[in-house]
């Protein structure tokens, strides 16, 4: 998972009318991934609606701390 916090928000036709401030990207292996990307998106979607989760994404200044926070909140395990 890639996380980008923009210094300058990007205007976007979003449902809430707000510009984009954070971007997530997913990289999953082509073979053996099955539904891994959908599981990650589902897990992320269930977290991003929480005020505490979003506040942490905007406040975090340490990459390692952010990594561990995301790892604890977003399920990225593939079932084989």
C-alpha atoms as a PDB file:
ATOM      1  CA  UNK A   1       0.000   0.000   0.000  1.00  0.00           C
ATOM      2  CA  UNK A   2       1.204   3.464  -0.867  1.00  0.00           C
ATOM      3  CA  UNK A   3       0.093   6.480   1.172  1.00  0.00           C
ATOM      4  CA  UNK A   4       0.551  10.045  -0.077  1.00  0.00           C
ATOM      5  CA  UNK A   5      -0.431  13.145   1.884  1.00  0.00           C
ATOM      6  CA  UNK A   6      -0.526  16.110  -0.464  1.00  0.00           C
ATOM      7  CA  UNK A   7       0.909  19.476   0.531  1.00  0.00           C
ATOM      8  CA  UNK A   8      -1.513  21.173  -1.845  1.00  0.00           C
ATOM      9  CA  UNK A   9      -5.003  19.600  -2.087  1.00  0.00           C
ATOM     10  CA  UNK A  10      -6.253  18.780  -5.583  1.00  0.00           C
ATOM     11  CA  UNK A  11      -9.713  20.003  -6.618  1.00  0.00           C
ATOM     12  CA  UNK A  12     -11.957  17.008  -7.315  1.00  0.00           C
ATOM     13  CA  UNK A  13     -15.629  16.367  -7.946  1.00  0.00           C
ATOM     14  CA  UNK A  14     -16.013  14.429  -4.702  1.00  0.00           C
ATOM     15  CA  UNK A  15     -19.276  13.578  -2.952  1.00  0.00           C
ATOM     16  CA  UNK A  16     -18.485  15.956  -0.086  1.00  0.00           C
ATOM     17  CA  UNK A  17     -17.237  18.723  -2.392  1.00  0.00           C
ATOM     18  CA  UNK A  18     -13.816  18.731  -0.694  1.00  0.00           C
ATOM     19  CA  UNK A  19     -10.486  18.602  -2.540  1.00  0.00           C
ATOM     20  CA  UNK A  20      -8.329  15.470  -2.380  1.00  0.00           C
ATOM     21  CA  UNK A  21      -5.726  15.621   0.382  1.00  0.00           C
ATOM     22  CA  UNK A  22      -4.644  11.984   0.722  1.00  0.00           C
ATOM     23  CA  UNK A  23      -4.081   9.289  -1.880  1.00  0.00           C
ATOM     24  CA  UNK A  24      -3.780   5.543  -1.403  1.00  0.00           C
ATOM     25  CA  UNK A  25      -2.331   3.160  -3.981  1.00  0.00           C
ATOM     26  CA  UNK A  26      -2.275  -0.613  -3.957  1.00  0.00           C
ATOM     27  CA  UNK A  27       0.319  -2.933  -5.412  1.00  0.00           C
ATOM     28  CA  UNK A  28      -0.645  -6.605  -5.322  1.00  0.00           C
ATOM     29  CA  UNK A  29       0.977  -9.561  -7.039  1.00  0.00           C
ATOM     30  CA  UNK A  30      -0.719 -10.690 -10.241  1.00  0.00           C
ATOM     31  CA  UNK A  31      -0.452 -14.353  -9.419  1.00  0.00           C
ATOM     32  CA  UNK A  32      -1.914 -15.743  -6.236  1.00  0.00           C
ATOM     33  CA  UNK A  33      -3.538 -12.481  -5.134  1.00  0.00           C
ATOM     34  CA  UNK A  34      -7.094 -13.703  -5.699  1.00  0.00           C
ATOM     35  CA  UNK A  35      -9.200 -11.091  -3.917  1.00  0.00           C
ATOM     36  CA  UNK A  36      -6.439  -9.474  -1.877  1.00  0.00           C
ATOM     37  CA  UNK A  37      -6.971  -6.011  -3.373  1.00  0.00           C
ATOM     38  CA  UNK A  38     -10.687  -6.124  -2.521  1.00  0.00           C
ATOM     39  CA  UNK A  39      -9.939  -7.134   1.060  1.00  0.00           C
ATOM     40  CA  UNK A  40      -7.508  -4.238   1.428  1.00  0.00           C
ATOM     41  CA  UNK A  41      -9.969  -1.749  -0.084  1.00  0.00           C
ATOM     42  CA  UNK A  42     -12.732  -3.034   2.198  1.00  0.00           C
ATOM     43  CA  UNK A  43     -10.520  -2.767   5.264  1.00  0.00           C
ATOM     44  CA  UNK A  44      -9.354   0.722   4.309  1.00  0.00           C
ATOM     45  CA  UNK A  45     -12.909   1.882   3.584  1.00  0.00           C
ATOM     46  CA  UNK A  46     -14.081   0.724   7.006  1.00  0.00           C
ATOM     47  CA  UNK A  47     -11.281   2.697   8.675  1.00  0.00           C
ATOM     48  CA  UNK A  48     -11.276   5.905   6.618  1.00  0.00           C
ATOM     49  CA  UNK A  49     -14.781   6.836   7.817  1.00  0.00           C
ATOM     50  CA  UNK A  50     -13.491   7.048  11.407  1.00  0.00           C
ATOM     51  CA  UNK A  51     -12.484  10.551  12.508  1.00  0.00           C
ATOM     52  CA  UNK A  52      -9.640   9.212  14.678  1.00  0.00           C
ATOM     53  CA  UNK A  53      -8.129   7.300  11.749  1.00  0.00           C
ATOM     54  CA  UNK A  54      -8.255  10.298   9.379  1.00  0.00           C
ATOM     55  CA  UNK A  55      -6.887  12.645  12.050  1.00  0.00           C
ATOM     56  CA  UNK A  56      -3.908  10.347  12.560  1.00  0.00           C
ATOM     57  CA  UNK A  57      -3.205  10.253   8.813  1.00  0.00           C
ATOM     58  CA  UNK A  58      -3.009  14.058   8.732  1.00  0.00           C
ATOM     59  CA  UNK A  59      -1.025  14.404  11.970  1.00  0.00           C
ATOM     60  CA  UNK A  60       1.594  11.653  11.596  1.00  0.00           C
ATOM     61  CA  UNK A  61       5.115  12.942  10.989  1.00  0.00           C
ATOM     62  CA  UNK A  62       7.118   9.753  11.391  1.00  0.00           C
ATOM     63  CA  UNK A  63       7.110   7.196   8.549  1.00  0.00           C
ATOM     64  CA  UNK A  64       7.776   4.193  10.798  1.00  0.00           C
ATOM     65  CA  UNK A  65       5.049   5.219  13.219  1.00  0.00           C
ATOM     66  CA  UNK A  66       2.608   5.695  10.332  1.00  0.00           C
ATOM     67  CA  UNK A  67       3.587   2.314   8.881  1.00  0.00           C
ATOM     68  CA  UNK A  68       2.896   0.524  12.171  1.00  0.00           C
ATOM     69  CA  UNK A  69      -0.371   2.402  12.641  1.00  0.00           C
ATOM     70  CA  UNK A  70      -1.564   1.414   9.159  1.00  0.00           C
ATOM     71  CA  UNK A  71      -0.376  -2.156   9.651  1.00  0.00           C
ATOM     72  CA  UNK A  72      -2.400  -2.410  12.867  1.00  0.00           C
ATOM     73  CA  UNK A  73      -5.568  -0.989  11.295  1.00  0.00           C
ATOM     74  CA  UNK A  74      -5.621  -2.304   7.702  1.00  0.00           C
ATOM     75  CA  UNK A  75      -5.842  -6.022   7.002  1.00  0.00           C
ATOM     76  CA  UNK A  76      -3.519  -6.975   4.152  1.00  0.00           C
ATOM     77  CA  UNK A  77      -3.230 -10.715   4.618  1.00  0.00           C
ATOM     78  CA  UNK A  78      -3.864 -12.957   1.651  1.00  0.00           C
ATOM     79  CA  UNK A  79      -5.606 -16.263   2.197  1.00  0.00           C
ATOM     80  CA  UNK A  80      -4.200 -19.029   0.022  1.00  0.00           C
END
